[in-house]
Amino acid sequence: MEPGGLTGPPAAKPPVTKPPATKFPMTTPPETHRSGWRWLWLPVVCLLAAGAWFYGPKAGALLAPPPAPAKGGKKGGSGIIPVVAAKARRGSIPVYITGLGSVTPIYTDVIKSRVDGQLMNVHYHEGDLVHQAQGQLIRDQATLDNANVDLDRYTKLYAQNAIPEQQLATQKATVKQSEGVVKTDQAQIDNAKLDLVYCHITAPITGRVGLRLVDPGNIVHATDTNGLLVITQVDPISVIFTVAEDDLPVVLRKLAAGQHLVTEAWDRANTQKIGTGTLETVDNQIDPTTGSLRLRANFDNKANQLFPNQFVNVRLLVETKSGVVLVPTAVIQRTTNSTYVYLVQEDHKVTVKQVTLGVTEGDYTEVTSGIEPGDVLVMTGVDKLSEGTPVNVQMVGGTPGSGSGGKTGGKSGGKKK
């Protein structure tokens, strides 16, 4: 058609065709799918990194194998435990029976008036030590008797030309001297008897005067119950103590053999010995309620360390074991069913040795089986030891060293039960 002319009808558009319908919707494009997974892994990676930072060193240390024990024996080396040890030795140890006791005067006298009347004067001070004249005579008479016995023996020896004449003459002079002392004592007693009247009261025993019970000016009677004063013998003095009936047989055997058993008195805290005496006698019956028996021991008390009615701990020496194996008590280790020690062997390693114990006294214990004299036993540092642990030994009172410093092991091994 020419320009400017009439136009004809527009041309028809081609039909739009739709894609065929699918059963499932279209999925996310590949780019969007990969971006979503990246965001999902990000927190997981962060958690793994934090766990590796926190647990990594500890886990590495736990997983790492333990270091091998160092060789050579230098103190402080890896795997070598420093310990303090002591040697077992052969020696003697005392065997004691212990008990609780009370200091008891051998004699206690209550002084009473033999007449009724007024107490005019008191010729003593409270706490004074008063003496008995008759006791002096008895002691000097015993000295004279002993001198006469020696004189008879020397006379027979002189007749046999066994001793010189001078020794016999000296003994005769000793007898004469003792006779003079006895006569002097007798004269003092006779003089005291002349002065002795009912208005004077003399001490019947040697002892300490207690607090007076009656003051001057008071009326006293022969029938008074309390008396005028109490005199207590303090030197010598005794201790009455109890022991279990199971310990009685050994005590009776020793007494029957004529042995004088040494008895020690210790203070209430059982830390300080305050007297040493000898066992005097035992009671005549066992207390059925306690199963114990009372014993009396006598003590010299010149220093006045023992006071009447004082509580004491008593130790009665019944035996001294000689030639036994002794170890410091600190080396003994115990469990609920066994007693053992750590023995240092020649290869500087420890082994566990089962032992059987005997008597314990002070810091030492008797071992009846399990070890021998000279064995080196660990005292301190046992909390880090086990069978076969290498050790560096510091001997008690000795020099340091990885070795034992003496006999070690011997028949090494021992069976750990």
Protein backbone atom coordinates (compact mmCIF):
# COMPACT_ATOMS: atom_id res chain seq x y z
CA MET A 1 0.00 0.00 0.00
CA GLU A 2 1.13 3.40 -0.77
CA PRO A 3 1.95 5.88 1.98
CA GLY A 4 -0.89 8.04 3.00
CA GLY A 5 -3.37 5.62 1.67
CA LEU A 6 -5.84 3.56 3.58
CA THR A 7 -4.53 0.80 5.65
CA GLY A 8 -5.85 -2.63 5.79
CA PRO A 9 -6.60 -4.78 8.93
CA PRO A 10 -3.66 -5.53 11.27
CA ALA A 11 -1.81 -8.71 10.82
CA ALA A 12 -2.74 -11.49 13.22
CA LYS A 13 -0.25 -12.28 16.11
CA PRO A 14 1.14 -15.72 16.26
CA PRO A 15 -0.38 -17.84 19.08
CA VAL A 16 1.62 -18.12 22.39
CA THR A 17 2.36 -21.65 23.28
CA LYS A 18 2.61 -22.67 27.05
CA PRO A 19 5.13 -25.22 28.16
CA PRO A 20 3.67 -28.51 29.11
CA ALA A 21 2.68 -28.83 32.76
CA THR A 22 5.00 -30.99 34.91
CA LYS A 23 4.06 -33.25 37.81
CA PHE A 24 6.60 -31.69 40.28
CA PRO A 25 7.51 -28.05 40.78
CA MET A 26 10.86 -26.79 39.58
CA THR A 27 13.74 -27.11 42.11
CA THR A 28 15.97 -24.32 43.46
CA PRO A 29 18.59 -23.19 41.08
CA PRO A 30 22.06 -24.68 41.71
CA GLU A 31 23.54 -21.39 42.95
CA THR A 32 20.91 -20.95 45.65
CA HIS A 33 21.32 -24.62 46.82
CA ARG A 34 25.07 -24.34 47.35
CA SER A 35 24.75 -21.06 49.27
CA GLY A 36 22.31 -22.64 51.78
CA TRP A 37 24.67 -25.54 52.60
CA ARG A 38 27.50 -23.12 53.25
CA TRP A 39 25.47 -21.37 55.95
CA LEU A 40 24.51 -24.75 57.47
CA TRP A 41 28.19 -25.87 57.93
CA LEU A 42 29.39 -22.58 59.41
CA PRO A 43 28.23 -23.18 63.06
CA VAL A 44 29.49 -26.78 62.93
CA VAL A 45 32.95 -25.62 61.91
CA CYS A 46 32.97 -23.02 64.71
CA LEU A 47 32.04 -25.65 67.34
CA LEU A 48 34.81 -27.99 66.12
CA ALA A 49 37.38 -25.20 66.27
CA ALA A 50 36.38 -24.25 69.83
CA GLY A 51 36.54 -27.88 70.97
CA ALA A 52 39.98 -28.36 69.45
CA TRP A 53 41.28 -25.22 71.21
CA PHE A 54 39.86 -26.17 74.66
CA TYR A 55 40.45 -29.90 74.72
CA GLY A 56 43.42 -30.21 72.44
CA PRO A 57 46.33 -29.78 74.97
CA LYS A 58 44.64 -31.94 77.64
CA ALA A 59 43.66 -34.62 75.21
CA GLY A 60 47.18 -34.62 73.82
CA ALA A 61 48.65 -34.99 77.28
CA LEU A 62 46.32 -37.85 78.14
CA LEU A 63 46.97 -39.65 74.89
CA ALA A 64 50.72 -39.15 75.05
CA PRO A 65 52.59 -42.24 76.35
CA PRO A 66 54.13 -41.95 79.87
CA PRO A 67 57.84 -41.08 79.93
CA ALA A 68 60.18 -43.99 80.40
CA PRO A 69 62.06 -44.10 83.73
CA ALA A 70 65.38 -42.37 83.48
CA LYS A 71 68.54 -44.37 84.06
CA GLY A 72 71.66 -43.34 85.85
CA GLY A 73 70.32 -42.57 89.36
CA LYS A 74 70.73 -38.77 89.50
CA LYS A 75 68.60 -37.28 92.22
CA GLY A 76 65.49 -35.73 90.80
CA GLY A 77 65.74 -37.69 87.56
CA SER A 78 62.58 -38.58 85.76
CA GLY A 79 60.84 -41.56 87.41
CA ILE A 80 63.22 -41.83 90.40
CA ILE A 81 61.59 -41.16 93.78
CA PRO A 82 63.69 -39.62 96.58
CA VAL A 83 63.17 -41.43 99.88
CA VAL A 84 64.64 -41.57 103.38
CA ALA A 85 65.59 -45.03 104.58
CA ALA A 86 67.08 -46.82 107.60
CA LYS A 87 68.78 -50.15 108.16
CA ALA A 88 67.38 -53.02 110.17
CA ARG A 89 69.75 -54.00 112.98
CA ARG A 90 70.15 -56.63 115.63
CA GLY A 91 69.77 -55.46 119.23
CA SER A 92 67.86 -55.67 122.50
CA ILE A 93 64.38 -54.44 123.35
CA PRO A 94 62.62 -54.36 126.75
CA VAL A 95 59.21 -55.93 127.34
CA TYR A 96 56.92 -53.96 129.65
CA ILE A 97 53.55 -54.58 131.27
CA THR A 98 51.69 -51.30 131.66
CA GLY A 99 49.05 -50.28 134.17
CA LEU A 100 47.44 -47.35 135.95
CA GLY A 101 48.41 -46.66 139.53
CA SER A 102 48.12 -44.37 142.52
CA VAL A 103 50.89 -43.26 144.86
CA THR A 104 50.14 -44.78 148.27
CA PRO A 105 52.12 -44.25 151.49
CA ILE A 106 53.45 -47.43 153.06
CA TYR A 107 52.38 -46.17 156.50
CA THR A 108 49.87 -43.51 157.50
CA ASP A 109 49.26 -42.77 161.20
CA VAL A 110 46.52 -40.68 162.78
CA ILE A 111 47.91 -39.14 165.96
CA LYS A 112 45.43 -39.03 168.87
CA SER A 113 45.56 -37.90 172.44
CA ARG A 114 45.61 -40.58 175.12
CA VAL A 115 44.12 -38.27 177.74
CA ASP A 116 41.36 -35.70 177.92
CA GLY A 117 42.43 -32.11 178.34
CA GLN A 118 43.28 -28.79 176.75
CA LEU A 119 45.81 -28.66 173.92
CA MET A 120 48.35 -26.16 175.16
CA ASN A 121 51.08 -26.08 172.48
CA VAL A 122 51.85 -27.53 169.06
CA HIS A 123 55.60 -28.07 168.68
CA TYR A 124 55.72 -28.65 164.94
CA HIS A 125 55.00 -26.82 161.70
CA GLU A 126 52.58 -28.08 159.14
CA GLY A 127 54.48 -29.94 156.42
CA ASP A 128 57.48 -30.73 158.66
CA LEU A 129 59.27 -34.03 158.26
CA VAL A 130 59.34 -35.72 161.67
CA HIS A 131 61.61 -38.63 162.58
CA GLN A 132 61.29 -41.74 164.67
CA ALA A 133 64.24 -42.40 167.04
CA GLN A 134 63.56 -46.12 167.27
CA GLY A 135 64.08 -46.44 163.53
CA GLN A 136 67.60 -45.02 163.83
CA LEU A 137 68.45 -47.66 166.43
CA ILE A 138 67.20 -50.48 164.21
CA ARG A 139 69.25 -49.29 161.24
CA ASP A 140 72.45 -48.95 163.28
CA GLN A 141 71.87 -52.34 164.90
CA ALA A 142 71.71 -53.90 161.44
CA THR A 143 75.04 -52.25 160.56
CA LEU A 144 76.59 -53.73 163.70
CA ASP A 145 75.29 -57.20 162.91
CA ASN A 146 76.77 -57.03 159.40
CA ALA A 147 80.12 -55.92 160.81
CA ASN A 148 80.16 -58.89 163.22
CA VAL A 149 79.52 -61.29 160.33
CA ASP A 150 82.49 -59.83 158.43
CA LEU A 151 84.64 -60.07 161.55
CA ASP A 152 83.92 -63.79 161.91
CA ARG A 153 84.78 -64.41 158.28
CA TYR A 154 88.03 -62.43 158.48
CA THR A 155 89.03 -64.29 161.65
CA LYS A 156 88.75 -67.64 159.84
CA LEU A 157 90.63 -66.33 156.80
CA TYR A 158 93.42 -64.96 159.01
CA ALA A 159 93.79 -68.34 160.71
CA GLN A 160 94.40 -69.79 157.25
CA ASN A 161 96.89 -67.01 156.38
CA ALA A 162 94.52 -65.86 153.60
CA ILE A 163 94.43 -62.19 154.67
CA PRO A 164 96.90 -59.86 156.42
CA GLU A 165 96.60 -59.12 160.14
CA GLN A 166 95.94 -55.44 159.41
CA GLN A 167 92.68 -56.25 157.61
CA LEU A 168 91.50 -58.23 160.63
CA ALA A 169 92.42 -55.41 163.01
CA THR A 170 90.55 -52.90 160.85
CA GLN A 171 87.42 -55.01 160.96
CA LYS A 172 87.63 -55.29 164.75
CA ALA A 173 87.77 -51.51 164.96
CA THR A 174 84.73 -51.25 162.69
CA VAL A 175 82.77 -53.53 165.00
CA LYS A 176 83.72 -51.45 168.06
CA GLN A 177 82.66 -48.28 166.26
CA SER A 178 79.28 -49.75 165.35
CA GLU A 179 78.77 -50.88 168.93
CA GLY A 180 79.38 -47.33 170.10
CA VAL A 181 76.81 -45.95 167.65
CA VAL A 182 74.22 -48.46 168.84
CA LYS A 183 74.84 -47.56 172.46
CA THR A 184 74.42 -43.87 171.61
CA ASP A 185 71.10 -44.58 169.91
CA GLN A 186 69.96 -46.61 172.91
CA ALA A 187 70.84 -43.75 175.21
CA GLN A 188 68.74 -41.36 173.10
CA ILE A 189 65.80 -43.73 173.26
CA ASP A 190 66.15 -44.14 177.02
CA ASN A 191 66.26 -40.38 177.40
CA ALA A 192 63.15 -40.05 175.24
CA LYS A 193 61.37 -42.60 177.39
CA LEU A 194 62.16 -40.56 180.49
CA ASP A 195 60.50 -37.54 178.88
CA LEU A 196 57.65 -39.54 177.49
CA VAL A 197 54.49 -38.82 179.39
CA TYR A 198 50.90 -38.68 178.32
CA CYS A 199 51.04 -34.93 177.83
CA HIS A 200 53.69 -35.35 175.12
CA ILE A 201 53.03 -37.12 171.84
CA THR A 202 55.94 -38.39 169.73
CA ALA A 203 55.94 -39.50 166.12
CA PRO A 204 55.48 -43.26 165.77
CA ILE A 205 56.88 -43.23 162.20
CA THR A 206 59.12 -41.06 160.07
CA GLY A 207 56.96 -39.05 157.72
CA ARG A 208 55.45 -35.76 156.73
CA VAL A 209 53.01 -33.94 159.01
CA GLY A 210 49.81 -32.80 157.36
CA LEU A 211 47.61 -29.85 158.15
CA ARG A 212 46.72 -29.79 161.84
CA LEU A 213 43.24 -30.90 162.75
CA VAL A 214 43.07 -29.23 166.18
CA ASP A 215 44.28 -25.76 167.16
CA PRO A 216 45.93 -24.88 170.49
CA GLY A 217 43.41 -24.04 173.20
CA ASN A 218 40.87 -26.63 172.10
CA ILE A 219 39.80 -29.47 174.37
CA VAL A 220 40.82 -32.89 173.10
CA HIS A 221 39.58 -36.31 174.16
CA ALA A 222 41.01 -39.79 173.88
CA THR A 223 37.81 -40.82 172.10
CA ASP A 224 37.99 -38.14 169.37
CA THR A 225 37.52 -39.62 165.92
CA ASN A 226 39.62 -37.26 163.82
CA GLY A 227 42.70 -37.09 166.01
CA LEU A 228 45.21 -34.26 166.23
CA LEU A 229 47.09 -34.69 162.97
CA VAL A 230 48.09 -37.24 160.33
CA ILE A 231 51.66 -38.36 159.64
CA THR A 232 52.32 -39.88 156.21
CA GLN A 233 55.46 -41.76 155.30
CA VAL A 234 56.81 -40.34 152.04
CA ASP A 235 60.27 -41.94 151.76
CA PRO A 236 60.14 -44.72 150.84
CA ILE A 237 56.72 -44.64 149.25
CA SER A 238 54.72 -47.16 147.24
CA VAL A 239 52.59 -47.22 144.11
CA ILE A 240 49.62 -49.54 143.88
CA PHE A 241 48.69 -50.34 140.28
CA THR A 242 46.63 -52.87 138.35
CA VAL A 243 47.52 -55.29 135.56
CA ALA A 244 45.34 -57.63 133.51
CA GLU A 245 44.99 -61.16 134.79
CA ASP A 246 46.46 -62.43 131.50
CA ASP A 247 49.78 -60.84 132.49
CA LEU A 248 49.80 -62.43 135.95
CA PRO A 249 51.55 -65.76 135.11
CA VAL A 250 54.76 -64.13 133.86
CA VAL A 251 54.88 -61.83 136.90
CA LEU A 252 54.42 -64.72 139.33
CA ARG A 253 57.15 -66.73 137.59
CA LYS A 254 59.60 -63.86 137.94
CA LEU A 255 58.74 -63.33 141.62
CA ALA A 256 59.01 -67.07 142.36
CA ALA A 257 62.49 -67.03 140.79
CA GLY A 258 63.52 -64.29 143.22
CA GLN A 259 63.82 -61.56 140.61
CA HIS A 260 63.32 -57.93 141.60
CA LEU A 261 61.28 -56.54 138.72
CA VAL A 262 62.06 -52.93 137.87
CA THR A 263 59.02 -50.66 137.99
CA GLU A 264 58.82 -47.20 136.45
CA ALA A 265 56.36 -44.45 137.39
CA TRP A 266 55.48 -41.89 134.69
CA ASP A 267 53.44 -38.72 134.93
CA ARG A 268 49.80 -38.35 133.92
CA ALA A 269 50.71 -37.43 130.32
CA ASN A 270 53.02 -40.47 130.16
CA THR A 271 55.86 -38.29 128.88
CA GLN A 272 58.20 -37.94 131.88
CA LYS A 273 59.54 -40.62 134.19
CA ILE A 274 59.25 -39.49 137.81
CA GLY A 275 60.50 -42.54 139.69
CA THR A 276 62.10 -45.98 139.48
CA GLY A 277 61.44 -48.73 142.03
CA THR A 278 60.99 -52.47 142.41
CA LEU A 279 57.94 -54.70 142.58
CA GLU A 280 57.23 -55.62 146.20
CA THR A 281 54.21 -57.92 146.14
CA VAL A 282 50.89 -58.80 144.50
CA ASP A 283 47.40 -58.89 145.94
CA ASN A 284 45.86 -62.18 146.99
CA GLN A 285 42.87 -62.17 144.62
CA ILE A 286 41.76 -61.00 141.19
CA ASP A 287 38.96 -58.46 140.95
CA PRO A 288 36.22 -60.41 139.09
CA THR A 289 34.47 -57.25 137.89
CA THR A 290 37.52 -55.93 135.99
CA GLY A 291 39.63 -59.05 135.51
CA SER A 292 42.66 -57.27 136.99
CA LEU A 293 45.01 -57.71 139.92
CA ARG A 294 46.58 -55.10 142.19
CA LEU A 295 50.36 -54.94 142.66
CA ARG A 296 52.53 -52.84 144.98
CA ALA A 297 55.92 -51.41 144.05
CA ASN A 298 58.19 -49.47 146.41
CA PHE A 299 60.10 -46.34 145.40
CA ASP A 300 62.83 -44.24 146.96
CA ASN A 301 61.40 -40.74 147.12
CA LYS A 302 64.18 -38.52 148.40
CA ALA A 303 63.39 -35.89 145.76
CA ASN A 304 59.67 -35.93 146.69
CA GLN A 305 58.62 -36.47 143.09
CA LEU A 306 55.91 -38.92 144.16
CA PHE A 307 53.10 -37.49 146.24
CA PRO A 308 50.42 -39.47 148.11
CA ASN A 309 47.30 -40.19 146.00
CA GLN A 310 49.02 -38.91 142.84
CA PHE A 311 47.91 -40.63 139.61
CA VAL A 312 50.76 -42.28 137.68
CA ASN A 313 51.28 -44.52 134.67
CA VAL A 314 53.26 -47.62 135.60
CA ARG A 315 55.54 -49.76 133.43
CA LEU A 316 56.72 -53.11 134.83
CA LEU A 317 59.80 -54.55 133.12
CA VAL A 318 59.35 -58.32 132.85
CA GLU A 319 61.90 -59.22 130.17
CA THR A 320 64.61 -57.88 127.87
CA LYS A 321 64.81 -59.59 124.48
CA SER A 322 68.37 -59.75 123.15
CA GLY A 323 69.65 -60.45 119.64
CA VAL A 324 66.40 -59.64 117.87
CA VAL A 325 65.89 -57.75 114.60
CA LEU A 326 64.88 -54.14 115.24
CA VAL A 327 63.59 -51.52 112.80
CA PRO A 328 62.34 -47.96 113.23
CA THR A 329 58.60 -48.08 113.76
CA ALA A 330 58.18 -45.53 110.93
CA VAL A 331 59.10 -48.12 108.28
CA ILE A 332 56.13 -50.33 109.15
CA GLN A 333 53.22 -50.04 106.70
CA ARG A 334 49.80 -51.57 107.31
CA THR A 335 46.68 -52.49 105.44
CA THR A 336 43.50 -54.07 106.72
CA ASN A 337 44.93 -57.58 106.42
CA SER A 338 48.72 -57.31 106.18
CA THR A 339 51.84 -55.65 107.55
CA TYR A 340 54.71 -54.89 105.19
CA VAL A 341 57.78 -52.77 104.49
CA TYR A 342 59.40 -51.35 101.36
CA LEU A 343 62.81 -53.00 100.92
CA VAL A 344 65.45 -51.30 98.76
CA GLN A 345 67.11 -53.84 96.45
CA GLU A 346 70.58 -53.79 94.91
CA ASP A 347 69.18 -52.45 91.62
CA HIS A 348 67.91 -49.37 93.54
CA LYS A 349 64.31 -50.46 93.21
CA VAL A 350 61.89 -51.23 96.02
CA THR A 351 60.02 -54.43 96.65
CA VAL A 352 57.21 -55.13 99.09
CA LYS A 353 58.13 -57.51 101.94
CA GLN A 354 55.53 -58.96 104.27
CA VAL A 355 56.72 -58.92 107.91
CA THR A 356 55.66 -60.30 111.28
CA LEU A 357 56.00 -57.96 114.25
CA GLY A 358 56.89 -58.57 117.86
CA VAL A 359 57.39 -56.05 120.65
CA THR A 360 57.18 -52.29 120.08
CA GLU A 361 59.00 -49.99 122.47
CA GLY A 362 59.49 -46.28 121.82
CA ASP A 363 60.63 -45.65 118.24
CA TYR A 364 61.67 -49.25 117.50
CA THR A 365 59.77 -52.44 116.71
CA GLU A 366 60.89 -56.06 116.77
CA VAL A 367 60.45 -57.96 113.49
CA THR A 368 60.27 -61.72 113.94
CA SER A 369 60.19 -62.66 110.25
CA GLY A 370 60.40 -61.11 106.79
CA ILE A 371 63.67 -59.14 106.87
CA GLU A 372 67.27 -59.54 108.01
CA PRO A 373 69.75 -57.24 109.80
CA GLY A 374 71.29 -54.78 107.34
CA ASP A 375 68.25 -54.59 105.05
CA VAL A 376 67.51 -51.02 103.94
CA LEU A 377 63.88 -50.03 104.52
CA VAL A 378 62.04 -46.91 103.37
CA MET A 379 60.85 -44.58 106.13
CA THR A 380 59.47 -41.54 104.28
CA GLY A 381 58.19 -41.16 100.73
CA VAL A 382 56.22 -44.41 100.72
CA ASP A 383 53.09 -42.71 99.39
CA LYS A 384 54.67 -42.58 95.93
CA LEU A 385 56.04 -46.12 95.90
CA SER A 386 54.84 -49.37 94.42
CA GLU A 387 56.48 -52.66 93.48
CA GLY A 388 59.60 -52.01 91.39
CA THR A 389 59.71 -48.21 91.79
CA PRO A 390 63.27 -46.84 91.34
CA VAL A 391 64.39 -44.73 94.30
CA ASN A 392 67.16 -42.37 95.36
CA VAL A 393 68.01 -43.20 98.97
CA GLN A 394 68.98 -40.76 101.72
CA MET A 395 70.05 -42.82 104.73
CA VAL A 396 69.06 -41.64 108.21
CA GLY A 397 72.13 -39.92 109.64
CA GLY A 398 74.12 -40.86 106.52
CA THR A 399 74.98 -39.56 103.06
CA PRO A 400 72.73 -39.44 100.00
CA GLY A 401 72.99 -41.83 97.10
CA SER A 402 70.99 -43.87 94.65
CA GLY A 403 72.26 -47.04 96.23
CA SER A 404 71.32 -48.53 99.52
CA GLY A 405 74.36 -47.44 101.44
CA GLY A 406 74.68 -50.98 102.75
CA LYS A 407 73.12 -54.38 102.37
CA THR A 408 70.09 -54.28 100.13
CA GLY A 409 67.78 -56.88 98.87
CA GLY A 410 69.81 -59.95 99.58
CA LYS A 411 67.24 -62.58 98.77
CA SER A 412 65.40 -59.95 96.84
CA GLY A 413 61.88 -60.21 95.75
CA GLY A 414 59.50 -61.16 98.48
CA LYS A 415 55.96 -62.06 97.61
CA LYS A 416 53.33 -59.42 97.75
CA LYS A 417 50.27 -60.89 99.33
